[in-house]
């Protein structure tokens, strides 16, 4: 459910290290396309402290989530199979590779 609060909490346990962790859901999104990979960064807002999530799907859709809200989605040009995706903070750009064997650079 979007907006549900939570976080990673540590506590004592019987493990040899003496520390155990519990995962608590912060928020989640129901995806419209099957996710393949993702990257994160400020995407167009390089001066902010908040990173956004960019998800590349198996069918070539790139979706950007700004915190709890889907803010953008589009199909990648010349898409056949998903490939690597990375964010470059210095250029404030997202890099991926096309099926035509080109490295592509996008700005949000």
PDB file of N, CA and C in Angstrom:
ATOM      1  N   UNK A   1       0.839  -1.180   0.000  1.00  0.00           N
ATOM      2  CA  UNK A   1       0.000   0.000   0.000  1.00  0.00           C
ATOM      3  C   UNK A   1       0.881   1.239   0.000  1.00  0.00           C
ATOM      4  N   UNK A   2       0.657   2.161  -0.933  1.00  0.00           N
ATOM      5  CA  UNK A   2       1.459   3.379  -0.959  1.00  0.00           C
ATOM      6  C   UNK A   2       1.341   4.141   0.352  1.00  0.00           C
ATOM      7  N   UNK A   3       2.466   4.671   0.807  1.00  0.00           N
ATOM      8  CA  UNK A   3       2.458   5.514   1.978  1.00  0.00           C
ATOM      9  C   UNK A   3       2.559   4.785   3.303  1.00  0.00           C
ATOM     10  N   UNK A   4       2.621   3.478   3.321  1.00  0.00           N
ATOM     11  CA  UNK A   4       2.726   2.749   4.576  1.00  0.00           C
ATOM     12  C   UNK A   4       4.115   2.942   5.159  1.00  0.00           C
ATOM     13  N   UNK A   5       4.191   3.357   6.410  1.00  0.00           N
ATOM     14  CA  UNK A   5       5.473   3.669   7.038  1.00  0.00           C
ATOM     15  C   UNK A   5       6.178   2.409   7.494  1.00  0.00           C
ATOM     16  N   UNK A   6       7.497   2.488   7.582  1.00  0.00           N
ATOM     17  CA  UNK A   6       8.272   1.344   8.058  1.00  0.00           C
ATOM     18  C   UNK A   6       9.748   1.617   7.921  1.00  0.00           C
ATOM     19  N   UNK A   7      10.567   0.580   7.955  1.00  0.00           N
ATOM     20  CA  UNK A   7      12.001   0.730   7.818  1.00  0.00           C
ATOM     21  C   UNK A   7      12.722  -0.526   8.234  1.00  0.00           C
ATOM     22  N   UNK A   8      14.045  -0.470   8.262  1.00  0.00           N
ATOM     23  CA  UNK A   8      14.877  -1.593   8.671  1.00  0.00           C
ATOM     24  C   UNK A   8      15.196  -1.410  10.146  1.00  0.00           C
ATOM     25  N   UNK A   9      14.848  -2.393  10.961  1.00  0.00           N
ATOM     26  CA  UNK A   9      14.998  -2.274  12.408  1.00  0.00           C
ATOM     27  C   UNK A   9      15.919  -3.377  12.905  1.00  0.00           C
ATOM     28  N   UNK A  10      16.877  -3.036  13.763  1.00  0.00           N
ATOM     29  CA  UNK A  10      17.754  -4.060  14.321  1.00  0.00           C
ATOM     30  C   UNK A  10      17.270  -4.429  15.720  1.00  0.00           C
ATOM     31  N   UNK A  11      17.609  -5.625  16.135  1.00  0.00           N
ATOM     32  CA  UNK A  11      17.237  -6.083  17.468  1.00  0.00           C
ATOM     33  C   UNK A  11      18.095  -7.259  17.855  1.00  0.00           C
ATOM     34  N   UNK A  12      18.106  -7.596  19.110  1.00  0.00           N
ATOM     35  CA  UNK A  12      18.900  -8.710  19.601  1.00  0.00           C
ATOM     36  C   UNK A  12      18.262 -10.034  19.186  1.00  0.00           C
ATOM     37  N   UNK A  13      19.081 -11.052  19.005  1.00  0.00           N
ATOM     38  CA  UNK A  13      18.581 -12.376  18.660  1.00  0.00           C
ATOM     39  C   UNK A  13      19.525 -13.425  19.236  1.00  0.00           C
ATOM     40  N   UNK A  14      19.218 -14.666  18.968  1.00  0.00           N
ATOM     41  CA  UNK A  14      20.054 -15.768  19.437  1.00  0.00           C
ATOM     42  C   UNK A  14      21.142 -16.132  18.437  1.00  0.00           C
ATOM     43  N   UNK A  15      21.285 -15.360  17.369  1.00  0.00           N
ATOM     44  CA  UNK A  15      22.313 -15.643  16.381  1.00  0.00           C
ATOM     45  C   UNK A  15      23.701 -15.442  16.976  1.00  0.00           C
ATOM     46  N   UNK A  16      24.681 -16.071  16.383  1.00  0.00           N
ATOM     47  CA  UNK A  16      26.055 -15.969  16.875  1.00  0.00           C
ATOM     48  C   UNK A  16      26.538 -14.523  16.908  1.00  0.00           C
ATOM     49  N   UNK A  17      26.111 -13.714  15.950  1.00  0.00           N
ATOM     50  CA  UNK A  17      26.538 -12.314  15.906  1.00  0.00           C
ATOM     51  C   UNK A  17      25.808 -11.465  16.931  1.00  0.00           C
ATOM     52  N   UNK A  18      24.656 -11.935  17.408  1.00  0.00           N
ATOM     53  CA  UNK A  18      23.913 -11.194  18.413  1.00  0.00           C
ATOM     54  C   UNK A  18      22.979 -10.144  17.865  1.00  0.00           C
ATOM     55  N   UNK A  19      22.956  -9.933  16.531  1.00  0.00           N
ATOM     56  CA  UNK A  19      22.088  -8.913  15.942  1.00  0.00           C
ATOM     57  C   UNK A  19      21.270  -9.535  14.821  1.00  0.00           C
ATOM     58  N   UNK A  20      20.003  -9.209  14.788  1.00  0.00           N
ATOM     59  CA  UNK A  20      19.120  -9.648  13.709  1.00  0.00           C
ATOM     60  C   UNK A  20      18.400  -8.422  13.166  1.00  0.00           C
ATOM     61  N   UNK A  21      17.916  -8.518  11.952  1.00  0.00           N
ATOM     62  CA  UNK A  21      17.231  -7.401  11.331  1.00  0.00           C
ATOM     63  C   UNK A  21      15.862  -7.833  10.854  1.00  0.00           C
ATOM     64  N   UNK A  22      14.918  -6.932  10.972  1.00  0.00           N
ATOM     65  CA  UNK A  22      13.572  -7.136  10.446  1.00  0.00           C
ATOM     66  C   UNK A  22      13.332  -6.121   9.350  1.00  0.00           C
ATOM     67  N   UNK A  23      12.753  -6.545   8.241  1.00  0.00           N
ATOM     68  CA  UNK A  23      12.369  -5.624   7.177  1.00  0.00           C
ATOM     69  C   UNK A  23      10.933  -5.210   7.383  1.00  0.00           C
ATOM     70  N   UNK A  24      10.681  -3.925   7.303  1.00  0.00           N
ATOM     71  CA  UNK A  24       9.324  -3.418   7.396  1.00  0.00           C
ATOM     72  C   UNK A  24       9.023  -2.628   6.136  1.00  0.00           C
ATOM     73  N   UNK A  25       7.875  -2.857   5.554  1.00  0.00           N
ATOM     74  CA  UNK A  25       7.466  -2.208   4.310  1.00  0.00           C
ATOM     75  C   UNK A  25       7.314  -0.708   4.499  1.00  0.00           C
ATOM     76  N   UNK A  26       7.957   0.069   3.635  1.00  0.00           N
ATOM     77  CA  UNK A  26       7.808   1.523   3.659  1.00  0.00           C
ATOM     78  C   UNK A  26       6.693   1.920   2.702  1.00  0.00           C
ATOM     79  N   UNK A  27       6.805   1.518   1.437  1.00  0.00           N
ATOM     80  CA  UNK A  27       5.716   1.660   0.477  1.00  0.00           C
ATOM     81  C   UNK A  27       5.978   0.728  -0.686  1.00  0.00           C
ATOM     82  N   UNK A  28       4.954   0.467  -1.469  1.00  0.00           N
ATOM     83  CA  UNK A  28       5.095  -0.409  -2.627  1.00  0.00           C
ATOM     84  C   UNK A  28       4.211   0.095  -3.754  1.00  0.00           C
ATOM     85  N   UNK A  29       4.531  -0.319  -4.971  1.00  0.00           N
ATOM     86  CA  UNK A  29       3.761   0.050  -6.159  1.00  0.00           C
ATOM     87  C   UNK A  29       3.370  -1.214  -6.900  1.00  0.00           C
ATOM     88  N   UNK A  30       2.164  -1.256  -7.399  1.00  0.00           N
ATOM     89  CA  UNK A  30       1.749  -2.354  -8.264  1.00  0.00           C
ATOM     90  C   UNK A  30       2.211  -1.991  -9.673  1.00  0.00           C
ATOM     91  N   UNK A  31       3.113  -2.796 -10.226  1.00  0.00           N
ATOM     92  CA  UNK A  31       3.678  -2.508 -11.546  1.00  0.00           C
ATOM     93  C   UNK A  31       2.730  -2.964 -12.644  1.00  0.00           C
ATOM     94  N   UNK A  32       2.639  -2.168 -13.705  1.00  0.00           N
ATOM     95  CA  UNK A  32       1.795  -2.506 -14.854  1.00  0.00           C
ATOM     96  C   UNK A  32       2.530  -3.398 -15.847  1.00  0.00           C
ATOM     97  N   UNK A  33       3.859  -3.424 -15.758  1.00  0.00           N
ATOM     98  CA  UNK A  33       4.696  -4.217 -16.656  1.00  0.00           C
ATOM     99  C   UNK A  33       5.669  -5.035 -15.801  1.00  0.00           C
ATOM    100  N   UNK A  34       6.102  -6.184 -16.310  1.00  0.00           N
ATOM    101  CA  UNK A  34       7.031  -7.032 -15.579  1.00  0.00           C
ATOM    102  C   UNK A  34       8.413  -6.383 -15.536  1.00  0.00           C
ATOM    103  N   UNK A  35       8.911  -6.120 -14.350  1.00  0.00           N
ATOM    104  CA  UNK A  35      10.189  -5.436 -14.172  1.00  0.00           C
ATOM    105  C   UNK A  35      11.352  -6.341 -14.547  1.00  0.00           C
ATOM    106  N   UNK A  36      12.386  -5.728 -15.142  1.00  0.00           N
ATOM    107  CA  UNK A  36      13.611  -6.455 -15.463  1.00  0.00           C
ATOM    108  C   UNK A  36      14.769  -5.954 -14.600  1.00  0.00           C
ATOM    109  N   UNK A  37      14.977  -4.632 -14.587  1.00  0.00           N
ATOM    110  CA  UNK A  37      16.037  -4.068 -13.761  1.00  0.00           C
ATOM    111  C   UNK A  37      15.692  -2.629 -13.396  1.00  0.00           C
ATOM    112  N   UNK A  38      16.551  -2.012 -12.615  1.00  0.00           N
ATOM    113  CA  UNK A  38      16.268  -0.649 -12.175  1.00  0.00           C
ATOM    114  C   UNK A  38      17.546   0.082 -11.819  1.00  0.00           C
ATOM    115  N   UNK A  39      17.416   1.408 -11.731  1.00  0.00           N
ATOM    116  CA  UNK A  39      18.486   2.247 -11.223  1.00  0.00           C
ATOM    117  C   UNK A  39      17.837   3.352 -10.403  1.00  0.00           C
ATOM    118  N   UNK A  40      18.637   4.101  -9.696  1.00  0.00           N
ATOM    119  CA  UNK A  40      18.104   5.161  -8.853  1.00  0.00           C
ATOM    120  C   UNK A  40      18.975   6.395  -8.948  1.00  0.00           C
ATOM    121  N   UNK A  41      18.353   7.559  -8.727  1.00  0.00           N
ATOM    122  CA  UNK A  41      19.060   8.833  -8.763  1.00  0.00           C
ATOM    123  C   UNK A  41      18.063   9.970  -8.681  1.00  0.00           C
ATOM    124  N   UNK A  42      18.535  11.220  -8.649  1.00  0.00           N
ATOM    125  CA  UNK A  42      17.625  12.359  -8.541  1.00  0.00           C
ATOM    126  C   UNK A  42      16.905  12.714  -9.852  1.00  0.00           C
ATOM    127  N   UNK A  43      17.333  12.198 -11.001  1.00  0.00           N
ATOM    128  CA  UNK A  43      16.665  12.361 -12.300  1.00  0.00           C
ATOM    129  C   UNK A  43      16.095  13.769 -12.540  1.00  0.00           C
ATOM    130  N   UNK A  44      16.927  14.672 -12.969  1.00  0.00           N
ATOM    131  CA  UNK A  44      16.460  16.018 -13.309  1.00  0.00           C
ATOM    132  C   UNK A  44      16.443  16.972 -12.139  1.00  0.00           C
ATOM    133  N   UNK A  45      16.684  16.470 -10.970  1.00  0.00           N
ATOM    134  CA  UNK A  45      16.697  17.312  -9.777  1.00  0.00           C
ATOM    135  C   UNK A  45      17.966  17.014  -8.991  1.00  0.00           C
ATOM    136  N   UNK A  46      19.088  17.187  -9.641  1.00  0.00           N
ATOM    137  CA  UNK A  46      20.378  16.774  -9.069  1.00  0.00           C
ATOM    138  C   UNK A  46      20.696  17.478  -7.755  1.00  0.00           C
ATOM    139  N   UNK A  47      20.046  18.605  -7.472  1.00  0.00           N
ATOM    140  CA  UNK A  47      20.349  19.323  -6.241  1.00  0.00           C
ATOM    141  C   UNK A  47      19.548  18.824  -5.042  1.00  0.00           C
ATOM    142  N   UNK A  48      18.600  17.914  -5.252  1.00  0.00           N
ATOM    143  CA  UNK A  48      17.781  17.427  -4.136  1.00  0.00           C
ATOM    144  C   UNK A  48      18.456  16.269  -3.415  1.00  0.00           C
ATOM    145  N   UNK A  49      17.999  15.985  -2.225  1.00  0.00           N
ATOM    146  CA  UNK A  49      18.508  14.870  -1.427  1.00  0.00           C
ATOM    147  C   UNK A  49      17.761  13.574  -1.724  1.00  0.00           C
ATOM    148  N   UNK A  50      16.657  13.666  -2.478  1.00  0.00           N
ATOM    149  CA  UNK A  50      15.802  12.508  -2.724  1.00  0.00           C
ATOM    150  C   UNK A  50      16.160  11.839  -4.039  1.00  0.00           C
ATOM    151  N   UNK A  51      16.361  10.529  -4.000  1.00  0.00           N
ATOM    152  CA  UNK A  51      16.568   9.748  -5.209  1.00  0.00           C
ATOM    153  C   UNK A  51      15.249   9.135  -5.645  1.00  0.00           C
ATOM    154  N   UNK A  52      15.078   9.013  -6.951  1.00  0.00           N
ATOM    155  CA  UNK A  52      13.903   8.393  -7.525  1.00  0.00           C
ATOM    156  C   UNK A  52      14.304   7.029  -8.080  1.00  0.00           C
ATOM    157  N   UNK A  53      13.321   6.230  -8.468  1.00  0.00           N
ATOM    158  CA  UNK A  53      13.577   4.897  -8.995  1.00  0.00           C
ATOM    159  C   UNK A  53      13.157   4.844 -10.452  1.00  0.00           C
ATOM    160  N   UNK A  54      14.017   4.312 -11.306  1.00  0.00           N
ATOM    161  CA  UNK A  54      13.724   4.097 -12.724  1.00  0.00           C
ATOM    162  C   UNK A  54      13.705   2.588 -12.956  1.00  0.00           C
ATOM    163  N   UNK A  55      12.576   2.062 -13.432  1.00  0.00           N
ATOM    164  CA  UNK A  55      12.420   0.630 -13.650  1.00  0.00           C
ATOM    165  C   UNK A  55      12.284   0.362 -15.142  1.00  0.00           C
ATOM    166  N   UNK A  56      13.100  -0.546 -15.657  1.00  0.00           N
ATOM    167  CA  UNK A  56      13.000  -0.979 -17.047  1.00  0.00           C
ATOM    168  C   UNK A  56      12.268  -2.316 -17.061  1.00  0.00           C
ATOM    169  N   UNK A  57      11.226  -2.419 -17.888  1.00  0.00           N
ATOM    170  CA  UNK A  57      10.429  -3.649 -17.924  1.00  0.00           C
ATOM    171  C   UNK A  57      10.897  -4.565 -19.059  1.00  0.00           C
ATOM    172  N   UNK A  58      10.390  -5.785 -19.042  1.00  0.00           N
ATOM    173  CA  UNK A  58      10.727  -6.758 -20.082  1.00  0.00           C
ATOM    174  C   UNK A  58      10.224  -6.353 -21.459  1.00  0.00           C
ATOM    175  N   UNK A  59       9.178  -5.518 -21.521  1.00  0.00           N
ATOM    176  CA  UNK A  59       8.633  -5.106 -22.815  1.00  0.00           C
ATOM    177  C   UNK A  59       9.092  -3.709 -23.242  1.00  0.00           C
ATOM    178  N   UNK A  60      10.098  -3.145 -22.577  1.00  0.00           N
ATOM    179  CA  UNK A  60      10.708  -1.896 -23.027  1.00  0.00           C
ATOM    180  C   UNK A  60      10.143  -0.633 -22.429  1.00  0.00           C
ATOM    181  N   UNK A  61       9.343  -0.729 -21.406  1.00  0.00           N
ATOM    182  CA  UNK A  61       8.801   0.472 -20.762  1.00  0.00           C
ATOM    183  C   UNK A  61       9.753   0.900 -19.650  1.00  0.00           C
ATOM    184  N   UNK A  62      10.059   2.184 -19.630  1.00  0.00           N
ATOM    185  CA  UNK A  62      10.824   2.779 -18.538  1.00  0.00           C
ATOM    186  C   UNK A  62       9.833   3.586 -17.709  1.00  0.00           C
ATOM    187  N   UNK A  63       9.781   3.284 -16.415  1.00  0.00           N
ATOM    188  CA  UNK A  63       8.860   3.962 -15.510  1.00  0.00           C
ATOM    189  C   UNK A  63       9.660   4.596 -14.391  1.00  0.00           C
ATOM    190  N   UNK A  64       9.339   5.859 -14.086  1.00  0.00           N
ATOM    191  CA  UNK A  64      10.026   6.572 -13.009  1.00  0.00           C
ATOM    192  C   UNK A  64       9.043   6.829 -11.883  1.00  0.00           C
ATOM    193  N   UNK A  65       9.477   6.487 -10.683  1.00  0.00           N
ATOM    194  CA  UNK A  65       8.697   6.713  -9.471  1.00  0.00           C
ATOM    195  C   UNK A  65       9.401   7.760  -8.624  1.00  0.00           C
ATOM    196  N   UNK A  66       8.676   8.803  -8.285  1.00  0.00           N
ATOM    197  CA  UNK A  66       9.165   9.832  -7.370  1.00  0.00           C
ATOM    198  C   UNK A  66       8.500   9.582  -6.025  1.00  0.00           C
ATOM    199  N   UNK A  67       9.247   8.969  -5.126  1.00  0.00           N
ATOM    200  CA  UNK A  67       8.727   8.571  -3.819  1.00  0.00           C
ATOM    201  C   UNK A  67       7.521   7.674  -3.991  1.00  0.00           C
ATOM    202  N   UNK A  68       6.334   8.078  -3.590  1.00  0.00           N
ATOM    203  CA  UNK A  68       5.166   7.207  -3.656  1.00  0.00           C
ATOM    204  C   UNK A  68       4.363   7.345  -4.947  1.00  0.00           C
ATOM    205  N   UNK A  69       4.825   8.142  -5.915  1.00  0.00           N
ATOM    206  CA  UNK A  69       4.028   8.459  -7.097  1.00  0.00           C
ATOM    207  C   UNK A  69       4.760   8.063  -8.381  1.00  0.00           C
ATOM    208  N   UNK A  70       4.031   7.403  -9.291  1.00  0.00           N
ATOM    209  CA  UNK A  70       4.581   7.168 -10.629  1.00  0.00           C
ATOM    210  C   UNK A  70       4.499   8.482 -11.375  1.00  0.00           C
ATOM    211  N   UNK A  71       5.639   8.996 -11.817  1.00  0.00           N
ATOM    212  CA  UNK A  71       5.647  10.315 -12.449  1.00  0.00           C
ATOM    213  C   UNK A  71       5.811  10.261 -13.960  1.00  0.00           C
ATOM    214  N   UNK A  72       6.304   9.129 -14.501  1.00  0.00           N
ATOM    215  CA  UNK A  72       6.573   9.106 -15.934  1.00  0.00           C
ATOM    216  C   UNK A  72       6.691   7.665 -16.401  1.00  0.00           C
ATOM    217  N   UNK A  73       6.260   7.414 -17.639  1.00  0.00           N
ATOM    218  CA  UNK A  73       6.447   6.099 -18.267  1.00  0.00           C
ATOM    219  C   UNK A  73       6.493   6.283 -19.778  1.00  0.00           C
ATOM    220  N   UNK A  74       7.392   5.550 -20.435  1.00  0.00           N
ATOM    221  CA  UNK A  74       7.468   5.599 -21.892  1.00  0.00           C
ATOM    222  C   UNK A  74       8.129   4.321 -22.406  1.00  0.00           C
ATOM    223  N   UNK A  75       7.913   4.027 -23.682  1.00  0.00           N
ATOM    224  CA  UNK A  75       8.585   2.899 -24.334  1.00  0.00           C
ATOM    225  C   UNK A  75       9.926   3.375 -24.862  1.00  0.00           C
ATOM    226  N   UNK A  76      10.960   2.564 -24.683  1.00  0.00           N
ATOM    227  CA  UNK A  76      12.273   2.882 -25.238  1.00  0.00           C
ATOM    228  C   UNK A  76      12.254   2.679 -26.749  1.00  0.00           C
ATOM    229  N   UNK A  77      12.929   3.553 -27.515  1.00  0.00           N
ATOM    230  CA  UNK A  77      12.986   3.376 -28.967  1.00  0.00           C
ATOM    231  C   UNK A  77      13.865   2.186 -29.341  1.00  0.00           C
ATOM    232  N   UNK A  78      13.546   1.530 -30.437  1.00  0.00           N
ATOM    233  CA  UNK A  78      14.320   0.407 -30.965  1.00  0.00           C
ATOM    234  C   UNK A  78      14.551  -0.667 -29.909  1.00  0.00           C
ATOM    235  N   UNK A  79      13.511  -1.011 -29.184  1.00  0.00           N
ATOM    236  CA  UNK A  79      13.626  -1.974 -28.098  1.00  0.00           C
ATOM    237  C   UNK A  79      13.302  -3.375 -28.571  1.00  0.00           C
ATOM    238  N   UNK A  80      14.119  -4.359 -28.205  1.00  0.00           N
ATOM    239  CA  UNK A  80      13.839  -5.763 -28.466  1.00  0.00           C
ATOM    240  C   UNK A  80      13.941  -6.572 -27.174  1.00  0.00           C
ATOM    241  N   UNK A  81      15.066  -6.429 -26.482  1.00  0.00           N
ATOM    242  CA  UNK A  81      15.296  -7.123 -25.215  1.00  0.00           C
ATOM    243  C   UNK A  81      15.818  -6.130 -24.185  1.00  0.00           C
ATOM    244  N   UNK A  82      15.473  -6.310 -22.918  1.00  0.00           N
ATOM    245  CA  UNK A  82      16.008  -5.397 -21.905  1.00  0.00           C
ATOM    246  C   UNK A  82      17.501  -5.606 -21.732  1.00  0.00           C
ATOM    247  N   UNK A  83      18.180  -4.558 -21.364  1.00  0.00           N
ATOM    248  CA  UNK A  83      19.618  -4.625 -21.167  1.00  0.00           C
ATOM    249  C   UNK A  83      20.027  -3.802 -19.966  1.00  0.00           C
ATOM    250  N   UNK A  84      21.278  -3.423 -19.910  1.00  0.00           N
ATOM    251  CA  UNK A  84      21.759  -2.663 -18.762  1.00  0.00           C
ATOM    252  C   UNK A  84      21.129  -1.275 -18.709  1.00  0.00           C
ATOM    253  N   UNK A  85      20.982  -0.756 -17.507  1.00  0.00           N
ATOM    254  CA  UNK A  85      20.494   0.610 -17.320  1.00  0.00           C
ATOM    255  C   UNK A  85      21.252   1.198 -16.144  1.00  0.00           C
ATOM    256  N   UNK A  86      21.688   2.450 -16.285  1.00  0.00           N
ATOM    257  CA  UNK A  86      22.475   3.091 -15.233  1.00  0.00           C
ATOM    258  C   UNK A  86      22.212   4.587 -15.246  1.00  0.00           C
ATOM    259  N   UNK A  87      22.351   5.191 -14.084  1.00  0.00           N
ATOM    260  CA  UNK A  87      22.206   6.645 -13.953  1.00  0.00           C
ATOM    261  C   UNK A  87      23.575   7.267 -13.734  1.00  0.00           C
ATOM    262  N   UNK A  88      23.865   8.366 -14.455  1.00  0.00           N
ATOM    263  CA  UNK A  88      25.115   9.114 -14.299  1.00  0.00           C
ATOM    264  C   UNK A  88      24.782  10.455 -13.653  1.00  0.00           C
ATOM    265  N   UNK A  89      25.197  10.634 -12.405  1.00  0.00           N
ATOM    266  CA  UNK A  89      24.886  11.857 -11.664  1.00  0.00           C
ATOM    267  C   UNK A  89      25.560  13.083 -12.293  1.00  0.00           C
ATOM    268  N   UNK A  90      26.784  12.938 -12.810  1.00  0.00           N
ATOM    269  CA  UNK A  90      27.499  14.077 -13.392  1.00  0.00           C
ATOM    270  C   UNK A  90      26.767  14.651 -14.598  1.00  0.00           C
ATOM    271  N   UNK A  91      26.150  13.798 -15.412  1.00  0.00           N
ATOM    272  CA  UNK A  91      25.409  14.251 -16.587  1.00  0.00           C
ATOM    273  C   UNK A  91      23.908  14.357 -16.330  1.00  0.00           C
ATOM    274  N   UNK A  92      23.462  13.885 -15.169  1.00  0.00           N
ATOM    275  CA  UNK A  92      22.042  13.816 -14.832  1.00  0.00           C
ATOM    276  C   UNK A  92      21.291  13.120 -15.965  1.00  0.00           C
ATOM    277  N   UNK A  93      21.761  11.922 -16.317  1.00  0.00           N
ATOM    278  CA  UNK A  93      21.209  11.193 -17.452  1.00  0.00           C
ATOM    279  C   UNK A  93      21.161   9.700 -17.156  1.00  0.00           C
ATOM    280  N   UNK A  94      20.246   9.030 -17.850  1.00  0.00           N
ATOM    281  CA  UNK A  94      20.089   7.578 -17.744  1.00  0.00           C
ATOM    282  C   UNK A  94      20.652   6.952 -19.013  1.00  0.00           C
ATOM    283  N   UNK A  95      21.510   5.950 -18.862  1.00  0.00           N
ATOM    284  CA  UNK A  95      22.112   5.258 -19.997  1.00  0.00           C
ATOM    285  C   UNK A  95      21.541   3.858 -20.122  1.00  0.00           C
ATOM    286  N   UNK A  96      21.340   3.429 -21.367  1.00  0.00           N
ATOM    287  CA  UNK A  96      20.938   2.066 -21.661  1.00  0.00           C
ATOM    288  C   UNK A  96      21.472   1.704 -23.046  1.00  0.00           C
ATOM    289  N   UNK A  97      21.218   0.500 -23.481  1.00  0.00           N
ATOM    290  CA  UNK A  97      21.667   0.056 -24.803  1.00  0.00           C
ATOM    291  C   UNK A  97      20.460  -0.385 -25.617  1.00  0.00           C
ATOM    292  N   UNK A  98      20.474  -0.081 -26.916  1.00  0.00           N
ATOM    293  CA  UNK A  98      19.364  -0.451 -27.793  1.00  0.00           C
ATOM    294  C   UNK A  98      19.647  -1.793 -28.465  1.00  0.00           C
ATOM    295  N   UNK A  99      18.618  -2.351 -29.064  1.00  0.00           N
ATOM    296  CA  UNK A  99      18.784  -3.609 -29.803  1.00  0.00           C
ATOM    297  C   UNK A  99      19.613  -3.409 -31.069  1.00  0.00           C
ATOM    298  N   UNK A 100      19.739  -2.158 -31.515  1.00  0.00           N
ATOM    299  CA  UNK A 100      20.566  -1.842 -32.681  1.00  0.00           C
ATOM    300  C   UNK A 100      22.037  -1.651 -32.283  1.00  0.00           C
ATOM    301  N   UNK A 101      22.371  -1.999 -31.043  1.00  0.00           N
ATOM    302  CA  UNK A 101      23.736  -1.934 -30.513  1.00  0.00           C
ATOM    303  C   UNK A 101      24.256  -0.511 -30.383  1.00  0.00           C
ATOM    304  N   UNK A 102      23.384   0.402 -29.972  1.00  0.00           N
ATOM    305  CA  UNK A 102      23.782   1.767 -29.667  1.00  0.00           C
ATOM    306  C   UNK A 102      23.640   1.999 -28.161  1.00  0.00           C
ATOM    307  N   UNK A 103      24.577   2.739 -27.599  1.00  0.00           N
ATOM    308  CA  UNK A 103      24.405   3.216 -26.231  1.00  0.00           C
ATOM    309  C   UNK A 103      23.532   4.456 -26.326  1.00  0.00           C
ATOM    310  N   UNK A 104      22.485   4.502 -25.521  1.00  0.00           N
ATOM    311  CA  UNK A 104      21.555   5.627 -25.553  1.00  0.00           C
ATOM    312  C   UNK A 104      21.581   6.358 -24.222  1.00  0.00           C
ATOM    313  N   UNK A 105      21.432   7.671 -24.289  1.00  0.00           N
ATOM    314  CA  UNK A 105      21.468   8.529 -23.119  1.00  0.00           C
ATOM    315  C   UNK A 105      20.180   9.334 -23.095  1.00  0.00           C
ATOM    316  N   UNK A 106      19.462   9.300 -21.963  1.00  0.00           N
ATOM    317  CA  UNK A 106      18.189  10.001 -21.831  1.00  0.00           C
ATOM    318  C   UNK A 106      18.216  10.898 -20.611  1.00  0.00           C
ATOM    319  N   UNK A 107      17.513  12.022 -20.717  1.00  0.00           N
ATOM    320  CA  UNK A 107      17.327  12.913 -19.553  1.00  0.00           C
ATOM    321  C   UNK A 107      15.857  12.952 -19.230  1.00  0.00           C
ATOM    322  N   UNK A 108      15.588  13.112 -17.944  1.00  0.00           N
ATOM    323  CA  UNK A 108      14.207  13.168 -17.447  1.00  0.00           C
ATOM    324  C   UNK A 108      13.896  14.585 -17.047  1.00  0.00           C
TER     325      UNK A 108
END
